[in-house]
Amino acid sequence: MNFLKTAFWVIIAVALALFTKANWAIAPSYSGYVPVKLWGDIILETRLPVLIVIAFLLGLLPTWLWGRACRWRLQRKLSSAERALASTTGTAGGAGSASGPAPSIDQAPPPSAADPSLPITSSNA
């Protein structure tokens, strides 16, 4: 999964670099600057790639903040649930849980006397 994340960002960076190179200066008659009217008579002249990157980051920021807030909230819920589970299992076990570790689920139960795979002897009959 980490490889896919890295590959995604590399592809985005290469596409951004190609876009910037293609749009930095189009022709000698065109200066390559885009006028942006801010307010009143204030006009900001900036290059097109810079304008696109700023717009992308302004759009990405709220989404990124929302995702981080959701992750933080879910981590708090998970840690609260884990603490509740730990306190419940710690008190429910009583003195029996202090004697040693619980047996593993993977351990097979002891064979019963009616197990057909055992040879028939006088003690099994």
Protein backbone atom coordinates (compact mmCIF):
# COMPACT_ATOMS: atom_id res chain seq x y z
CA MET A 1 0.00 0.00 0.00
CA ASN A 2 2.88 2.33 0.75
CA PHE A 3 4.23 1.74 -2.76
CA LEU A 4 0.91 2.80 -4.30
CA LYS A 5 0.84 5.97 -2.24
CA THR A 6 4.39 6.84 -3.30
CA ALA A 7 3.67 6.03 -6.95
CA PHE A 8 0.57 8.24 -6.87
CA TRP A 9 2.51 11.24 -5.55
CA VAL A 10 5.34 10.69 -8.05
CA ILE A 11 2.83 10.68 -10.91
CA ILE A 12 1.23 13.89 -9.58
CA ALA A 13 4.65 15.56 -9.25
CA VAL A 14 5.71 14.59 -12.78
CA ALA A 15 2.40 15.81 -14.23
CA LEU A 16 2.76 19.09 -12.35
CA ALA A 17 6.34 19.54 -13.57
CA LEU A 18 5.30 18.89 -17.19
CA PHE A 19 2.37 21.32 -16.87
CA THR A 20 4.65 23.98 -15.39
CA LYS A 21 7.25 23.56 -18.12
CA ALA A 22 4.63 23.77 -20.87
CA ASN A 23 2.90 26.85 -19.46
CA TRP A 24 5.73 28.92 -18.01
CA ALA A 25 6.38 30.99 -21.14
CA ILE A 26 4.22 30.23 -24.15
CA ALA A 27 5.51 32.69 -26.75
CA PRO A 28 7.78 35.74 -26.90
CA SER A 29 4.77 38.00 -27.40
CA TYR A 30 3.02 36.52 -24.35
CA SER A 31 4.65 37.31 -21.04
CA GLY A 32 3.36 34.15 -19.36
CA TYR A 33 1.66 36.11 -16.60
CA VAL A 34 -2.02 35.87 -15.74
CA PRO A 35 -3.69 38.95 -14.23
CA VAL A 36 -5.80 38.19 -11.15
CA LYS A 37 -8.06 40.98 -9.89
CA LEU A 38 -8.07 40.76 -6.10
CA TRP A 39 -10.23 43.70 -4.98
CA GLY A 40 -10.70 47.26 -6.11
CA ASP A 41 -7.82 48.29 -8.36
CA ILE A 42 -5.37 45.71 -7.03
CA ILE A 43 -4.27 43.30 -9.75
CA LEU A 44 -1.85 40.45 -9.08
CA GLU A 45 0.09 39.21 -12.08
CA THR A 46 1.29 35.67 -11.55
CA ARG A 47 2.37 32.77 -13.69
CA LEU A 48 -0.31 30.25 -14.65
CA PRO A 49 1.32 27.20 -12.98
CA VAL A 50 1.67 29.10 -9.69
CA LEU A 51 -1.99 30.04 -9.86
CA ILE A 52 -3.02 26.43 -10.55
CA VAL A 53 -0.89 25.06 -7.69
CA ILE A 54 -2.29 27.63 -5.25
CA ALA A 55 -5.86 26.79 -6.31
CA PHE A 56 -5.14 23.06 -5.90
CA LEU A 57 -3.70 23.55 -2.42
CA LEU A 58 -6.61 25.76 -1.38
CA GLY A 59 -8.99 23.01 -2.45
CA LEU A 60 -6.93 20.25 -0.84
CA LEU A 61 -6.55 21.94 2.55
CA PRO A 62 -10.18 21.62 3.78
CA THR A 63 -10.38 18.00 2.61
CA TRP A 64 -7.09 17.14 4.31
CA LEU A 65 -8.17 18.85 7.55
CA TRP A 66 -11.51 16.99 7.47
CA GLY A 67 -9.73 13.67 7.00
CA ARG A 68 -7.30 14.35 9.84
CA ALA A 69 -10.18 15.35 12.15
CA CYS A 70 -12.08 12.14 11.31
CA ARG A 71 -8.97 10.03 11.92
CA TRP A 72 -8.34 11.79 15.24
CA ARG A 73 -11.97 11.27 16.32
CA LEU A 74 -11.93 7.58 15.37
CA GLN A 75 -8.62 7.03 17.18
CA ARG A 76 -10.11 8.57 20.31
CA LYS A 77 -13.17 6.30 20.04
CA LEU A 78 -10.97 3.24 19.49
CA SER A 79 -8.70 3.99 22.44
CA SER A 80 -11.75 4.58 24.63
CA ALA A 81 -13.25 1.26 23.55
CA GLU A 82 -9.92 -0.52 24.14
CA ARG A 83 -9.67 0.96 27.64
CA ALA A 84 -13.24 -0.12 28.40
CA LEU A 85 -12.54 -3.63 27.11
CA ALA A 86 -9.34 -3.87 29.14
CA SER A 87 -11.10 -2.78 32.32
CA THR A 88 -13.99 -5.19 31.66
CA THR A 89 -11.79 -8.21 30.99
CA GLY A 90 -9.51 -7.31 33.89
CA THR A 91 -12.36 -7.30 36.43
CA ALA A 92 -14.41 -10.15 34.93
CA GLY A 93 -11.55 -12.66 35.16
CA GLY A 94 -11.22 -12.33 38.92
CA ALA A 95 -8.69 -14.61 40.64
CA GLY A 96 -8.78 -17.20 37.85
CA SER A 97 -7.11 -14.89 35.33
CA ALA A 98 -4.14 -14.27 37.60
CA SER A 99 -3.17 -17.96 37.70
CA GLY A 100 -1.59 -17.92 34.26
CA PRO A 101 -2.17 -17.25 30.62
CA ALA A 102 -5.37 -18.43 29.03
CA PRO A 103 -5.06 -21.55 26.87
CA SER A 104 -4.72 -20.92 23.19
CA ILE A 105 -7.63 -21.60 20.87
CA ASP A 106 -5.29 -23.55 18.60
CA GLN A 107 -4.64 -26.23 21.26
CA ALA A 108 -6.57 -29.42 20.64
CA PRO A 109 -8.71 -30.82 23.46
CA PRO A 110 -7.57 -34.07 25.06
CA PRO A 111 -8.81 -37.15 23.17
CA SER A 112 -11.99 -38.65 24.57
CA ALA A 113 -12.48 -42.30 25.40
CA ALA A 114 -14.88 -42.75 22.47
CA ASP A 115 -12.37 -41.52 19.87
CA PRO A 116 -12.42 -44.05 16.98
CA SER A 117 -8.82 -43.36 16.05
CA LEU A 118 -7.57 -44.88 19.33
CA PRO A 119 -6.84 -48.57 19.50
CA ILE A 120 -9.29 -50.57 21.57
CA THR A 121 -7.74 -51.69 24.83
CA SER A 122 -9.18 -52.84 28.11
CA SER A 123 -9.00 -49.32 29.56
CA ASN A 124 -10.85 -47.76 26.58
CA ALA A 125 -13.62 -50.38 26.42
